[in-house]
Amino acid sequence: MSPRRLLGRGLAVLLLLLAWAVLAPVAAAQGREITETRVALVIGNAAYRSDPLDNPVNDARLMADVLKKAGFEVTLRQDLDRAGLLEALRGFGSRLDENTVALLYYAGHGLQLRDRNYLIPVDAEIRSEDEIPIAGIDIGFILGRMAHARSRINLVILDACRNNPFLGKTVAAQGLAQMDAPVGTLLAYATAPGKLAADSGSGANSVYASYLAKHLLTPGLPVEQVFKRVREGVVRETQQQQVPWESSSLQGEFAFVPGVGTVPGTPDIDAAGEIAFWNSIQASNRAEEYRAYLRQYPQGRFSPLAQARVAALTPAPAASPAPAAAASPAGEPPQTVAIAPATVPGPGNAPAAPLAGTLPRPGDRWRYRVQDQFRIGDLFVSAQVEAVTPEGVAESWSTTSDAKLRTAVAALAPGFHELPGWTLTPPEFSPYLQAAGGLQPGQGLAGLARRVEQVSVPLKASVEGEEEIQVAAGRFRAVKLVLRGQATPRGGKAVRLEQVVWYAPAVKRMVKSTVSTSVGGAVREATSFELVEYQLH
């Protein structure tokens, strides 16, 4: 074959690969559901030669039983030497893939050295601190395996701060070191960094494992709330001597047991846990620790002080010729931007050219609390951008109600955004409408309708202006859009619908939505979506 023909074929192959790379994310988001696989490795190390422990094996058995009830494929290992510990971690890592929820629970001795954390096998004989990396297993090993597998959700629970059995032989600090969680990971510690956790509890298990087992199977409870309740229980029982800790970068919703969330704990318990958490970080010079507090207590009593310390400890961004919306962890005040002059959508509600700065980017994510008059407790949903195309924004969705990851494309043009196989909430209305040419006060949208109980209800939508709105994620300047309509089928009852949506340019998506429908005067829907936290890239 001639060199020219070879070159031509090579260019053709390259063009095909480029086209696949561009179109694959969009094709993947055309209404798809993915069911997760749950894999857990549970380790209890107690039979140490120098300092045996009482509860780790009991705790590991307890956690293995609870995780099996939560649908995990559990591997339980006990009293592992270094070779056994390494092999268990290797085997666990080999089972992970992009559709996996991966969980590692470790109870036993753990040490920190130079800001690295090590799991200690039962055969370890450490005579100097330089031997810690050789005798132990760096936790970074399994975090690296999780990152390589691109597991959807990674949970690492370290009940490993009981004491330093080699004190006097090493200068390693007590407890474990604070680590920032890799993307898609929640790191949970039995106690705050640098502190010790009790090896005993009221029974055969440690206090931390007991509360974790108690709350883990609560239907619909988001994983972050599970650990918050664990912290509150441990703080109360230990009289604030032990304060569990988490570092999270999860990007999707997850509940150990799918379902609808239950009513939160009592205010007194919440207050005790919050105060203990704050006491454990108030002398810190790390912005991430104050962000962790804000994620756990976005409306907490110390939120203003935490926000101020985050601002003081965060380097100022480089000057930019054009302002951009900044990422905002839960509880931090967002940077608002002026609403750009809008252009009116074209004929038939077709969108005009997207306004600069209003379109999201891949990786942007939003988390909403959904409350419904007919449901006890809350539901949480998360949306993350996978791709931005002329057809719309390709998103992946996760909820605390089931174990599915949904993908769909949200069109920029006005209309209702349906998710595949999802009926627990009313559909969103054009979550990215502000990117379709903007929203101008007094502007109207025609030709819209939504089906309610087999009745097509025509809707008139009007932009009623700008207003300040307070949600859990912060206070925003937003544009208010109201949709109203009614229809009376022949021989049937009148159906009325009202949906109000608030859009904030600083967030690049809706920040709040309320939906109310009635049939013959009886309320059928009374639902609200409220932004809890978001992150922009």
Protein backbone atom coordinates (compact mmCIF):
# COMPACT_ATOMS: atom_id res chain seq x y z
CA MET A 1 0.00 0.00 0.00
CA SER A 2 1.33 3.44 -0.95
CA PRO A 3 2.39 5.89 1.79
CA ARG A 4 -0.28 8.33 0.58
CA ARG A 5 -3.01 5.70 0.99
CA LEU A 6 -1.69 4.73 4.42
CA LEU A 7 -1.73 8.39 5.46
CA GLY A 8 -5.27 8.83 4.19
CA ARG A 9 -6.50 5.77 6.07
CA GLY A 10 -4.77 6.96 9.24
CA LEU A 11 -6.46 10.36 9.01
CA ALA A 12 -9.84 8.70 8.49
CA VAL A 13 -9.39 6.56 11.59
CA LEU A 14 -8.31 9.61 13.58
CA LEU A 15 -11.39 11.57 12.48
CA LEU A 16 -13.66 8.69 13.47
CA LEU A 17 -12.07 8.50 16.91
CA LEU A 18 -12.47 12.25 17.42
CA ALA A 19 -16.11 12.11 16.38
CA TRP A 20 -16.76 9.25 18.80
CA ALA A 21 -15.09 11.15 21.63
CA VAL A 22 -17.29 14.19 21.04
CA LEU A 23 -20.60 12.38 20.51
CA ALA A 24 -20.25 9.56 23.05
CA PRO A 25 -21.17 11.66 26.13
CA VAL A 26 -24.26 12.98 24.37
CA ALA A 27 -25.37 9.56 23.17
CA ALA A 28 -24.84 8.18 26.64
CA ALA A 29 -27.19 10.77 28.10
CA GLN A 30 -30.23 10.11 25.92
CA GLY A 31 -32.41 8.68 28.70
CA ARG A 32 -30.50 5.86 30.37
CA GLU A 33 -30.52 4.13 33.76
CA ILE A 34 -27.54 2.37 35.30
CA THR A 35 -27.90 0.11 38.35
CA GLU A 36 -24.95 0.21 40.71
CA THR A 37 -22.99 -2.71 42.16
CA ARG A 38 -22.13 -2.46 45.86
CA VAL A 39 -18.83 -3.96 46.98
CA ALA A 40 -17.43 -3.83 50.53
CA LEU A 41 -14.23 -4.97 52.20
CA VAL A 42 -14.50 -5.15 56.00
CA ILE A 43 -11.35 -5.69 58.07
CA GLY A 44 -11.01 -6.16 61.83
CA ASN A 45 -7.48 -6.36 63.27
CA ALA A 46 -7.32 -7.08 67.00
CA ALA A 47 -4.70 -9.80 67.73
CA TYR A 48 -1.66 -7.50 67.82
CA ARG A 49 1.45 -8.96 69.44
CA SER A 50 2.38 -5.80 71.30
CA ASP A 51 -1.06 -4.40 72.13
CA PRO A 52 -4.14 -6.52 71.38
CA LEU A 53 -7.48 -4.77 71.09
CA ASP A 54 -10.88 -5.85 72.36
CA ASN A 55 -13.44 -4.75 69.79
CA PRO A 56 -12.18 -4.52 66.17
CA VAL A 57 -13.17 -8.09 65.22
CA ASN A 58 -16.60 -7.64 66.84
CA ASP A 59 -16.99 -4.29 65.08
CA ALA A 60 -16.01 -5.80 61.72
CA ARG A 61 -18.54 -8.62 62.09
CA LEU A 62 -21.25 -6.15 63.05
CA MET A 63 -20.49 -3.93 60.06
CA ALA A 64 -20.37 -6.90 57.69
CA ASP A 65 -23.86 -7.99 58.75
CA VAL A 66 -25.27 -4.46 58.42
CA LEU A 67 -23.68 -3.89 55.00
CA LYS A 68 -25.09 -7.18 53.70
CA LYS A 69 -28.55 -5.95 54.67
CA ALA A 70 -27.79 -2.76 52.69
CA GLY A 71 -27.14 -4.79 49.55
CA PHE A 72 -23.34 -4.94 49.59
CA GLU A 73 -21.30 -7.92 48.46
CA VAL A 74 -19.16 -8.14 51.60
CA THR A 75 -15.71 -9.66 52.08
CA LEU A 76 -14.92 -10.00 55.81
CA ARG A 77 -11.29 -10.45 56.87
CA GLN A 78 -9.93 -10.68 60.41
CA ASP A 79 -6.51 -10.37 62.08
CA LEU A 80 -4.49 -9.91 58.89
CA ASP A 81 -0.70 -9.86 58.75
CA ARG A 82 0.96 -7.55 56.24
CA ALA A 83 0.80 -10.02 53.35
CA GLY A 84 -2.84 -10.79 54.07
CA LEU A 85 -3.75 -7.11 54.40
CA LEU A 86 -2.10 -6.23 51.10
CA GLU A 87 -3.75 -9.15 49.31
CA ALA A 88 -7.19 -8.23 50.67
CA LEU A 89 -6.80 -4.65 49.44
CA ARG A 90 -5.56 -5.82 46.04
CA GLY A 91 -8.51 -8.17 45.61
CA PHE A 92 -10.93 -5.45 46.64
CA GLY A 93 -9.44 -2.97 44.19
CA SER A 94 -9.68 -5.45 41.31
CA ARG A 95 -13.48 -5.71 41.74
CA LEU A 96 -14.15 -2.02 41.23
CA ASP A 97 -15.36 -0.26 38.08
CA GLU A 98 -17.19 2.92 37.09
CA ASN A 99 -20.60 1.59 38.19
CA THR A 100 -19.40 0.48 41.63
CA VAL A 101 -20.18 1.80 45.07
CA ALA A 102 -17.00 0.82 46.91
CA LEU A 103 -16.76 0.70 50.71
CA LEU A 104 -13.77 -0.07 52.90
CA TYR A 105 -14.28 -0.40 56.65
CA TYR A 106 -11.15 -0.88 58.76
CA ALA A 107 -11.09 -1.36 62.55
CA GLY A 108 -7.73 -1.74 64.23
CA HIS A 109 -4.51 0.14 64.79
CA GLY A 110 -3.58 3.00 62.49
CA LEU A 111 -0.66 5.44 62.53
CA GLN A 112 0.20 8.73 60.88
CA LEU A 113 3.65 9.79 59.77
CA ARG A 114 4.45 13.01 57.92
CA ASP A 115 0.78 13.54 56.97
CA ARG A 116 0.41 10.00 55.62
CA ASN A 117 -1.87 7.41 57.25
CA TYR A 118 -1.03 3.72 57.58
CA LEU A 119 -3.09 0.63 58.40
CA ILE A 120 -1.12 -1.56 60.79
CA PRO A 121 -1.18 -5.38 60.35
CA VAL A 122 -1.22 -7.65 63.39
CA ASP A 123 2.35 -8.91 62.83
CA ALA A 124 3.91 -5.43 62.83
CA GLU A 125 6.98 -4.92 65.03
CA ILE A 126 7.94 -1.28 64.66
CA ARG A 127 11.13 -0.14 66.38
CA SER A 128 11.49 3.29 64.75
CA GLU A 129 9.31 5.69 62.82
CA ASP A 130 11.17 4.95 59.56
CA GLU A 131 9.78 1.41 59.71
CA ILE A 132 6.14 2.55 59.67
CA PRO A 133 5.91 2.77 55.85
CA ILE A 134 7.47 -0.70 55.59
CA ALA A 135 5.46 -2.43 58.31
CA GLY A 136 2.15 -0.73 57.53
CA ILE A 137 0.04 -0.21 54.40
CA ASP A 138 -0.40 3.38 53.19
CA ILE A 139 -4.11 4.22 52.87
CA GLY A 140 -3.18 6.05 49.70
CA PHE A 141 -2.75 2.61 48.08
CA ILE A 142 -6.45 1.79 48.15
CA LEU A 143 -7.45 5.38 47.38
CA GLY A 144 -5.32 5.11 44.27
CA ARG A 145 -7.06 1.87 43.25
CA MET A 146 -10.44 3.53 43.71
CA ALA A 147 -9.38 6.51 41.61
CA HIS A 148 -8.06 4.25 38.85
CA ALA A 149 -11.32 2.28 38.75
CA ARG A 150 -13.34 5.53 38.65
CA SER A 151 -15.86 4.08 41.06
CA ARG A 152 -19.07 6.12 41.13
CA ILE A 153 -18.96 6.41 44.93
CA ASN A 154 -16.11 5.53 47.30
CA LEU A 155 -16.58 5.28 51.07
CA VAL A 156 -13.57 4.72 53.35
CA ILE A 157 -14.39 4.32 57.05
CA LEU A 158 -11.38 4.36 59.37
CA ASP A 159 -12.16 3.20 62.90
CA ALA A 160 -8.40 3.15 63.43
CA CYS A 161 -7.43 5.75 66.00
CA ARG A 162 -7.46 3.64 69.17
CA ASN A 163 -3.93 4.47 70.33
CA ASN A 164 -0.28 4.26 69.27
CA PRO A 165 0.95 0.83 70.44
CA PHE A 166 4.52 1.77 69.55
CA LEU A 167 4.65 4.99 71.60
CA GLY A 168 8.18 5.43 72.89
CA LYS A 169 9.66 3.62 69.90
CA THR A 170 8.47 6.20 67.35
CA VAL A 171 7.69 9.89 67.32
CA ALA A 172 4.60 9.39 65.16
CA ALA A 173 1.75 11.59 66.30
CA GLN A 174 -1.34 10.05 67.87
CA GLY A 175 -4.45 9.42 65.84
CA LEU A 176 -4.65 9.81 62.08
CA ALA A 177 -3.75 12.76 59.87
CA GLN A 178 -6.36 14.88 58.08
CA MET A 179 -6.57 13.90 54.40
CA ASP A 180 -8.51 15.58 51.63
CA ALA A 181 -10.88 13.14 49.97
CA PRO A 182 -10.20 12.42 46.28
CA VAL A 183 -13.03 13.25 43.87
CA GLY A 184 -16.04 11.00 44.42
CA THR A 185 -14.88 9.85 47.86
CA LEU A 186 -16.02 10.21 51.45
CA LEU A 187 -13.42 9.60 54.15
CA ALA A 188 -14.89 8.95 57.58
CA TYR A 189 -12.80 8.92 60.75
CA ALA A 190 -13.94 7.53 64.09
CA THR A 191 -12.58 10.68 65.70
CA ALA A 192 -11.08 14.05 64.76
CA PRO A 193 -7.58 14.14 63.19
CA GLY A 194 -4.87 13.76 65.80
CA LYS A 195 -7.29 12.46 68.43
CA LEU A 196 -7.94 8.99 69.87
CA ALA A 197 -11.10 6.89 69.69
CA ALA A 198 -12.33 4.61 72.45
CA ASP A 199 -11.87 0.86 71.88
CA SER A 200 -14.80 0.06 74.15
CA GLY A 201 -18.47 0.92 74.22
CA SER A 202 -21.52 -0.04 76.20
CA GLY A 203 -21.37 -3.62 74.88
CA ALA A 204 -19.19 -5.80 72.67
CA ASN A 205 -18.63 -3.03 70.14
CA SER A 206 -16.94 0.35 70.07
CA VAL A 207 -19.19 3.38 70.44
CA TYR A 208 -18.49 4.50 66.85
CA ALA A 209 -19.35 1.14 65.28
CA SER A 210 -22.48 0.87 67.41
CA TYR A 211 -23.89 4.19 66.19
CA LEU A 212 -22.84 3.52 62.61
CA ALA A 213 -24.74 0.23 62.62
CA LYS A 214 -27.73 1.96 64.23
CA HIS A 215 -28.12 4.67 61.56
CA LEU A 216 -26.75 3.07 58.41
CA LEU A 217 -29.99 1.24 57.53
CA THR A 218 -32.28 4.29 57.82
CA PRO A 219 -34.30 4.35 54.56
CA GLY A 220 -33.55 7.27 52.26
CA LEU A 221 -31.07 8.93 54.63
CA PRO A 222 -28.23 10.54 52.60
CA VAL A 223 -24.82 9.13 53.46
CA GLU A 224 -23.67 12.53 54.76
CA GLN A 225 -26.62 12.59 57.17
CA VAL A 226 -25.83 9.05 58.34
CA PHE A 227 -22.40 10.17 59.52
CA LYS A 228 -23.83 13.35 61.00
CA ARG A 229 -26.18 11.28 63.15
CA VAL A 230 -23.31 8.98 64.11
CA ARG A 231 -21.28 11.98 65.22
CA GLU A 232 -24.15 13.34 67.30
CA GLY A 233 -24.59 9.99 69.07
CA VAL A 234 -20.87 9.48 69.73
CA VAL A 235 -20.42 13.04 70.97
CA ARG A 236 -23.33 12.66 73.37
CA GLU A 237 -22.24 9.27 74.74
CA THR A 238 -18.56 10.20 75.16
CA GLN A 239 -19.40 13.64 76.58
CA GLN A 240 -17.55 15.32 73.70
CA GLN A 241 -14.36 13.34 74.26
CA GLN A 242 -14.67 11.73 70.81
CA VAL A 243 -15.83 13.69 67.74
CA PRO A 244 -16.15 11.66 64.50
CA TRP A 245 -15.03 13.45 61.35
CA GLU A 246 -15.63 13.26 57.59
CA SER A 247 -14.00 14.70 54.51
CA SER A 248 -16.20 14.43 51.42
CA SER A 249 -15.98 15.14 47.71
CA LEU A 250 -18.96 12.99 46.69
CA GLN A 251 -20.55 14.10 43.41
CA GLY A 252 -23.76 12.11 43.49
CA GLU A 253 -26.57 11.17 45.85
CA PHE A 254 -26.31 7.96 47.84
CA ALA A 255 -28.31 6.30 50.62
CA PHE A 256 -27.32 2.94 52.07
CA VAL A 257 -30.99 1.96 52.00
CA PRO A 258 -32.96 3.64 49.19
CA GLY A 259 -36.24 5.27 50.10
CA VAL A 260 -37.67 8.53 51.38
CA GLY A 261 -35.75 10.29 54.13
CA THR A 262 -37.07 10.30 57.68
CA VAL A 263 -37.62 13.20 60.01
CA PRO A 264 -34.31 14.67 61.28
CA GLY A 265 -33.01 14.22 64.80
CA THR A 266 -33.95 16.45 67.70
CA PRO A 267 -32.52 19.98 67.92
CA ASP A 268 -30.70 19.23 71.19
CA ILE A 269 -28.76 16.36 69.64
CA ASP A 270 -28.01 18.44 66.54
CA ALA A 271 -26.69 21.30 68.69
CA ALA A 272 -24.39 19.04 70.73
CA GLY A 273 -22.87 17.52 67.61
CA GLU A 274 -22.39 20.90 65.95
CA ILE A 275 -20.72 22.47 68.98
CA ALA A 276 -18.37 19.52 69.39
CA PHE A 277 -17.48 19.62 65.69
CA TRP A 278 -16.72 23.34 65.91
CA ASN A 279 -14.62 22.90 69.05
CA SER A 280 -12.49 20.34 67.22
CA ILE A 281 -11.58 22.76 64.39
CA GLN A 282 -11.80 26.28 65.81
CA ALA A 283 -8.01 26.57 66.19
CA SER A 284 -7.28 25.17 62.72
CA ASN A 285 -5.46 27.08 59.97
CA ARG A 286 -6.86 24.85 57.17
CA ALA A 287 -9.69 26.28 55.06
CA GLU A 288 -10.87 22.76 54.16
CA GLU A 289 -11.74 22.00 57.79
CA TYR A 290 -14.05 25.03 57.94
CA ARG A 291 -15.57 23.99 54.61
CA ALA A 292 -16.23 20.56 56.12
CA TYR A 293 -18.14 22.26 58.95
CA LEU A 294 -20.16 24.33 56.45
CA ARG A 295 -21.05 21.23 54.45
CA GLN A 296 -22.34 19.52 57.57
CA TYR A 297 -24.04 22.60 59.10
CA PRO A 298 -24.77 25.08 56.26
CA GLN A 299 -27.12 27.09 58.52
CA GLY A 300 -25.13 26.46 61.71
CA ARG A 301 -24.58 28.93 64.53
CA PHE A 302 -20.90 29.28 63.61
CA SER A 303 -21.47 29.62 59.85
CA PRO A 304 -20.57 33.35 59.60
CA LEU A 305 -17.32 32.78 61.50
CA ALA A 306 -16.50 29.69 59.39
CA GLN A 307 -17.15 31.66 56.19
CA ALA A 308 -14.85 34.44 57.38
CA ARG A 309 -12.08 31.99 58.16
CA VAL A 310 -12.46 30.29 54.79
CA ALA A 311 -12.12 33.69 53.12
CA ALA A 312 -9.07 34.57 55.22
CA LEU A 313 -7.34 31.23 54.56
CA THR A 314 -8.13 31.03 50.83
CA PRO A 315 -5.69 32.74 48.43
CA ALA A 316 -7.32 35.46 46.36
CA PRO A 317 -7.93 34.40 42.73
CA ALA A 318 -5.93 35.99 39.94
CA ALA A 319 -7.52 39.04 38.37
CA SER A 320 -9.70 38.25 35.37
CA PRO A 321 -10.94 40.65 32.70
CA ALA A 322 -14.47 39.23 32.91
CA PRO A 323 -16.26 38.18 36.14
CA ALA A 324 -17.38 34.58 36.41
CA ALA A 325 -19.65 32.73 38.82
CA ALA A 326 -17.57 31.05 41.50
CA ALA A 327 -18.01 27.64 43.01
CA SER A 328 -19.71 27.73 46.40
CA PRO A 329 -19.59 24.92 48.96
CA ALA A 330 -22.73 24.62 51.06
CA GLY A 331 -23.09 27.47 53.47
CA GLU A 332 -20.61 29.85 51.82
CA PRO A 333 -21.95 33.11 50.39
CA PRO A 334 -21.93 32.89 46.60
CA GLN A 335 -20.44 35.50 44.32
CA THR A 336 -23.35 37.05 42.46
CA VAL A 337 -23.10 38.57 39.03
CA ALA A 338 -25.28 41.13 37.33
CA ILE A 339 -28.07 39.75 35.20
CA ALA A 340 -27.12 40.37 31.59
CA PRO A 341 -29.61 42.04 29.26
CA ALA A 342 -31.78 39.30 27.86
CA THR A 343 -32.85 38.53 24.35
CA VAL A 344 -36.33 37.25 23.65
CA PRO A 345 -36.56 33.64 22.45
CA GLY A 346 -37.32 33.23 18.78
CA PRO A 347 -40.55 32.03 17.18
CA GLY A 348 -42.10 29.00 18.79
CA ASN A 349 -39.99 29.53 21.93
CA ALA A 350 -36.86 28.48 20.07
CA PRO A 351 -33.82 29.67 22.01
CA ALA A 352 -31.64 32.48 20.81
CA ALA A 353 -27.88 32.16 20.91
CA PRO A 354 -26.82 31.25 24.49
CA LEU A 355 -25.66 34.19 26.57
CA ALA A 356 -21.96 34.23 27.33
CA GLY A 357 -21.23 32.99 30.84
CA THR A 358 -24.64 31.42 31.45
CA LEU A 359 -23.93 27.92 30.13
CA PRO A 360 -22.56 25.39 32.63
CA ARG A 361 -19.40 23.34 32.13
CA PRO A 362 -18.77 19.59 32.38
CA GLY A 363 -18.31 18.68 36.02
CA ASP A 364 -20.63 21.40 37.38
CA ARG A 365 -23.02 19.91 39.92
CA TRP A 366 -26.05 20.90 42.02
CA ARG A 367 -27.76 19.20 44.94
CA TYR A 368 -31.43 19.81 45.78
CA ARG A 369 -33.66 18.97 48.73
CA VAL A 370 -37.12 17.89 47.58
CA GLN A 371 -40.03 18.29 50.00
CA ASP A 372 -43.54 17.04 49.34
CA GLN A 373 -46.75 17.63 51.27
CA PHE A 374 -47.70 13.96 50.93
CA ARG A 375 -44.36 12.49 52.02
CA ILE A 376 -42.77 12.26 55.46
CA GLY A 377 -39.17 13.37 55.29
CA ASP A 378 -36.99 14.72 52.51
CA LEU A 379 -35.63 13.41 49.24
CA PHE A 380 -32.26 14.58 47.89
CA VAL A 381 -31.29 14.67 44.23
CA SER A 382 -28.04 15.64 42.49
CA ALA A 383 -27.43 16.67 38.88
CA GLN A 384 -24.00 16.81 37.25
CA VAL A 385 -23.12 18.10 33.78
CA GLU A 386 -21.50 15.52 31.51
CA ALA A 387 -21.48 17.52 28.24
CA VAL A 388 -22.85 20.74 26.74
CA THR A 389 -24.13 20.43 23.18
CA PRO A 390 -26.34 22.39 20.76
CA GLU A 391 -29.18 20.00 21.73
CA GLY A 392 -28.89 20.87 25.40
CA VAL A 393 -27.06 19.95 28.59
CA ALA A 394 -26.30 16.26 29.09
CA GLU A 395 -26.68 15.45 32.81
CA SER A 396 -26.28 12.49 35.13
CA TRP A 397 -28.74 12.25 38.02
CA SER A 398 -28.70 10.39 41.31
CA THR A 399 -31.16 10.31 44.20
CA THR A 400 -31.51 8.91 47.70
CA SER A 401 -34.65 7.01 46.69
CA ASP A 402 -33.03 4.22 44.67
CA ALA A 403 -29.73 2.82 43.45
CA LYS A 404 -29.86 4.08 39.86
CA LEU A 405 -27.80 6.61 37.97
CA ARG A 406 -29.93 8.34 35.33
CA THR A 407 -28.71 10.28 32.32
CA ALA A 408 -30.74 12.65 30.17
CA VAL A 409 -30.42 15.80 28.06
CA ALA A 410 -32.04 19.00 29.35
CA ALA A 411 -32.97 21.18 26.37
CA LEU A 412 -32.26 24.91 26.54
CA ALA A 413 -35.61 25.73 24.93
CA PRO A 414 -38.61 26.20 27.26
CA GLY A 415 -40.20 22.89 28.22
CA PHE A 416 -40.46 20.20 30.90
CA HIS A 417 -37.39 18.11 31.65
CA GLU A 418 -38.33 14.45 32.12
CA LEU A 419 -36.02 11.82 33.62
CA PRO A 420 -36.20 8.18 32.47
CA GLY A 421 -38.07 5.94 34.90
CA TRP A 422 -38.64 8.74 37.43
CA THR A 423 -42.09 9.59 38.79
CA LEU A 424 -41.50 10.52 42.44
CA THR A 425 -41.36 14.26 41.70
CA PRO A 426 -42.91 16.57 39.10
CA PRO A 427 -40.62 17.25 36.13
CA GLU A 428 -38.33 20.26 36.19
CA PHE A 429 -39.15 23.17 33.95
CA SER A 430 -36.18 24.21 31.74
CA PRO A 431 -33.48 24.27 34.45
CA TYR A 432 -31.10 26.13 32.07
CA LEU A 433 -33.60 28.56 30.58
CA GLN A 434 -31.44 31.58 31.44
CA ALA A 435 -28.82 30.24 29.01
CA ALA A 436 -31.35 30.19 26.16
CA GLY A 437 -31.10 33.91 25.60
CA GLY A 438 -31.88 35.19 29.07
CA LEU A 439 -35.03 36.07 31.00
CA GLN A 440 -36.33 39.60 30.74
CA PRO A 441 -38.92 41.00 33.18
CA GLY A 442 -42.30 41.15 31.47
CA GLN A 443 -41.34 38.55 28.90
CA GLY A 444 -43.95 35.86 28.18
CA LEU A 445 -43.67 32.32 26.82
CA ALA A 446 -46.50 30.67 24.92
CA GLY A 447 -47.24 27.23 23.51
CA LEU A 448 -46.42 25.34 26.73
CA ALA A 449 -48.40 22.47 28.26
CA ARG A 450 -48.00 19.72 30.82
CA ARG A 451 -50.00 16.54 31.19
CA VAL A 452 -51.61 15.95 34.60
CA GLU A 453 -53.67 12.78 35.08
CA GLN A 454 -54.10 12.32 31.33
CA VAL A 455 -55.23 15.95 30.91
CA SER A 456 -53.08 18.32 28.86
CA VAL A 457 -53.00 21.63 30.73
CA PRO A 458 -52.03 24.64 28.57
CA LEU A 459 -49.74 27.03 30.43
CA LYS A 460 -48.86 30.69 30.19
CA ALA A 461 -45.41 31.57 31.50
CA SER A 462 -44.34 35.08 32.43
CA VAL A 463 -41.19 36.56 33.92
CA GLU A 464 -42.29 38.54 36.98
CA GLY A 465 -38.98 40.26 37.65
CA GLU A 466 -35.95 39.92 39.90
CA GLU A 467 -35.87 39.31 43.64
CA GLU A 468 -33.59 38.18 46.44
CA ILE A 469 -34.16 34.58 47.44
CA GLN A 470 -32.72 32.64 50.38
CA VAL A 471 -32.14 28.89 50.04
CA ALA A 472 -29.93 26.46 51.95
CA ALA A 473 -27.03 27.09 49.53
CA GLY A 474 -27.07 30.85 50.18
CA ARG A 475 -28.75 34.10 49.21
CA PHE A 476 -29.06 34.94 45.52
CA ARG A 477 -30.37 37.57 43.14
CA ALA A 478 -32.76 35.57 40.95
CA VAL A 479 -35.25 35.93 38.12
CA LYS A 480 -38.74 34.68 38.95
CA LEU A 481 -40.74 32.79 36.31
CA VAL A 482 -44.38 31.81 36.94
CA LEU A 483 -46.34 29.23 34.92
CA ARG A 484 -50.12 29.02 35.36
CA GLY A 485 -52.87 27.17 33.58
CA GLN A 486 -56.05 25.14 33.88
CA ALA A 487 -58.09 22.73 31.82
CA THR A 488 -61.48 21.06 32.24
CA PRO A 489 -62.00 17.91 30.19
CA ARG A 490 -65.50 17.13 28.97
CA GLY A 491 -67.36 15.50 31.84
CA GLY A 492 -64.33 15.77 34.12
CA LYS A 493 -62.99 17.90 36.94
CA ALA A 494 -61.02 21.10 36.49
CA VAL A 495 -57.24 20.68 36.63
CA ARG A 496 -55.21 23.68 37.80
CA LEU A 497 -51.42 23.99 37.84
CA GLU A 498 -48.97 26.60 39.06
CA GLN A 499 -45.20 26.29 38.93
CA VAL A 500 -42.77 28.97 40.07
CA VAL A 501 -39.08 28.79 39.16
CA TRP A 502 -36.23 31.02 40.35
CA TYR A 503 -33.07 31.26 38.22
CA ALA A 504 -29.80 32.73 39.56
CA PRO A 505 -27.05 33.61 37.05
CA ALA A 506 -24.44 32.98 39.77
CA VAL A 507 -25.55 29.32 39.92
CA LYS A 508 -26.16 28.74 36.16
CA ARG A 509 -29.24 26.67 36.99
CA MET A 510 -32.49 27.03 38.84
CA VAL A 511 -32.12 27.60 42.60
CA LYS A 512 -35.69 26.89 43.63
CA SER A 513 -38.94 25.59 42.17
CA THR A 514 -42.41 25.04 43.62
CA VAL A 515 -45.17 23.02 41.98
CA SER A 516 -48.85 22.97 42.96
CA THR A 517 -51.61 21.13 41.09
CA SER A 518 -55.20 20.39 42.00
CA VAL A 519 -57.96 18.31 40.43
CA GLY A 520 -61.51 19.35 41.25
CA GLY A 521 -60.21 21.44 44.14
CA ALA A 522 -58.24 18.57 45.73
CA VAL A 523 -54.47 19.06 45.91
CA ARG A 524 -52.55 16.41 43.92
CA GLU A 525 -49.04 17.92 43.94
CA ALA A 526 -47.39 20.22 46.48
CA THR A 527 -43.66 19.90 45.91
CA SER A 528 -40.64 22.16 46.31
CA PHE A 529 -37.04 21.88 45.05
CA GLU A 530 -34.43 23.88 46.97
CA LEU A 531 -30.72 24.16 46.18
CA VAL A 532 -28.62 22.84 49.08
CA GLU A 533 -25.12 23.11 47.59
CA TYR A 534 -23.41 23.49 44.23
CA GLN A 535 -19.99 23.49 42.62
CA LEU A 536 -18.98 25.23 39.39
CA HIS A 537 -15.77 24.70 37.45
